[in-house]
Amino acid sequence: DDFEYEVVEKEIQPGDVVVIYTDGVSEAMNHQNELFSIERIRGLMEKNALSASELGGVILADVKKHANGRDQNDDITLMSFGRLG
């Protein structure tokens, strides 16, 4: 109840894709204790001109590849959606 947050409204334009994820995605660790990172997520989004569902699958597959079977200490939750033209 004490958590402060800011409400932001943004109109989603045709073709836009929105990705929302928990910190378990960006903080997923591999066996070398390296985080998956926000930068890696951004890179996947910039590199891949995919639909929202395809992009979500690509990100989750890359998280699994990065973790390479290592148990994670947090949930890995991702939601992607977009607006069609």
Protein backbone atom coordinates (compact mmCIF):
# COMPACT_ATOMS: atom_id res chain seq x y z
CA ASP A 1 0.00 0.00 0.00
CA ASP A 2 2.94 2.36 0.48
CA PHE A 3 4.25 1.93 -3.05
CA GLU A 4 4.05 5.13 -5.06
CA TYR A 5 3.62 4.96 -8.80
CA GLU A 6 2.88 7.31 -11.63
CA VAL A 7 -0.01 6.81 -14.03
CA VAL A 8 0.86 7.58 -17.65
CA GLU A 9 -1.51 7.55 -20.60
CA LYS A 10 -0.21 7.04 -24.12
CA GLU A 11 -2.13 6.47 -27.31
CA ILE A 12 -0.97 3.39 -29.16
CA GLN A 13 -0.64 4.04 -32.89
CA PRO A 14 -1.31 1.46 -35.60
CA GLY A 15 1.69 -0.84 -35.83
CA ASP A 16 2.93 -0.05 -32.31
CA VAL A 17 3.92 -2.95 -30.05
CA VAL A 18 3.99 -2.70 -26.26
CA VAL A 19 5.99 -5.11 -24.09
CA ILE A 20 5.42 -5.25 -20.33
CA TYR A 21 7.53 -7.58 -18.21
CA THR A 22 8.46 -8.29 -14.61
CA ASP A 23 11.98 -7.78 -13.33
CA GLY A 24 12.40 -11.55 -13.47
CA VAL A 25 12.85 -11.18 -17.23
CA SER A 26 15.52 -8.46 -17.20
CA GLU A 27 17.20 -10.00 -14.12
CA ALA A 28 17.26 -13.59 -15.38
CA MET A 29 20.76 -14.92 -14.74
CA ASN A 30 22.96 -17.36 -16.58
CA HIS A 31 25.59 -19.66 -15.06
CA GLN A 32 28.15 -16.80 -15.16
CA ASN A 33 25.82 -14.64 -12.97
CA GLU A 34 25.18 -12.26 -15.90
CA LEU A 35 21.78 -10.56 -16.05
CA PHE A 36 19.63 -10.78 -19.18
CA SER A 37 19.29 -6.94 -18.98
CA ILE A 38 16.95 -4.24 -20.19
CA GLU A 39 19.42 -3.41 -22.95
CA ARG A 40 19.12 -6.93 -24.33
CA ILE A 41 15.32 -6.65 -24.36
CA ARG A 42 15.55 -3.31 -26.19
CA GLY A 43 17.98 -4.81 -28.67
CA LEU A 44 15.59 -7.66 -29.46
CA MET A 45 12.75 -5.18 -29.94
CA GLU A 46 14.80 -2.95 -32.25
CA LYS A 47 16.27 -5.83 -34.25
CA ASN A 48 13.03 -7.71 -34.88
CA ALA A 49 10.14 -6.18 -36.82
CA LEU A 50 7.65 -8.73 -35.54
CA SER A 51 4.04 -8.87 -34.41
CA ALA A 52 3.36 -8.54 -30.69
CA SER A 53 2.87 -12.29 -30.21
CA GLU A 54 5.98 -13.15 -32.23
CA LEU A 55 8.11 -10.63 -30.33
CA GLY A 56 6.95 -11.99 -26.97
CA GLY A 57 7.96 -15.48 -28.08
CA VAL A 58 11.37 -14.29 -29.31
CA ILE A 59 12.11 -12.53 -26.01
CA LEU A 60 11.06 -15.51 -23.88
CA ALA A 61 13.07 -17.91 -26.05
CA ASP A 62 16.15 -15.69 -25.67
CA VAL A 63 15.66 -15.54 -21.88
CA LYS A 64 15.59 -19.37 -21.79
CA LYS A 65 18.68 -19.54 -24.01
CA HIS A 66 20.49 -17.02 -21.78
CA ALA A 67 19.57 -18.87 -18.55
CA ASN A 68 20.67 -22.17 -20.12
CA GLY A 69 18.80 -24.25 -17.56
CA ARG A 70 19.80 -22.24 -14.49
CA ASP A 71 17.05 -22.02 -11.88
CA GLN A 72 15.70 -18.50 -11.50
CA ASN A 73 14.86 -16.79 -8.20
CA ASP A 74 11.97 -14.73 -9.56
CA ASP A 75 8.96 -15.13 -11.82
CA ILE A 76 9.41 -14.58 -15.52
CA THR A 77 6.28 -12.87 -16.79
CA LEU A 78 5.91 -11.05 -20.10
CA MET A 79 2.95 -9.54 -21.91
CA SER A 80 3.14 -8.12 -25.41
CA PHE A 81 0.35 -6.52 -27.40
CA GLY A 82 -0.04 -4.17 -30.30
CA ARG A 83 -2.45 -2.15 -32.36
CA LEU A 84 -3.27 -3.30 -35.84
CA GLY A 85 -3.55 -0.82 -38.67
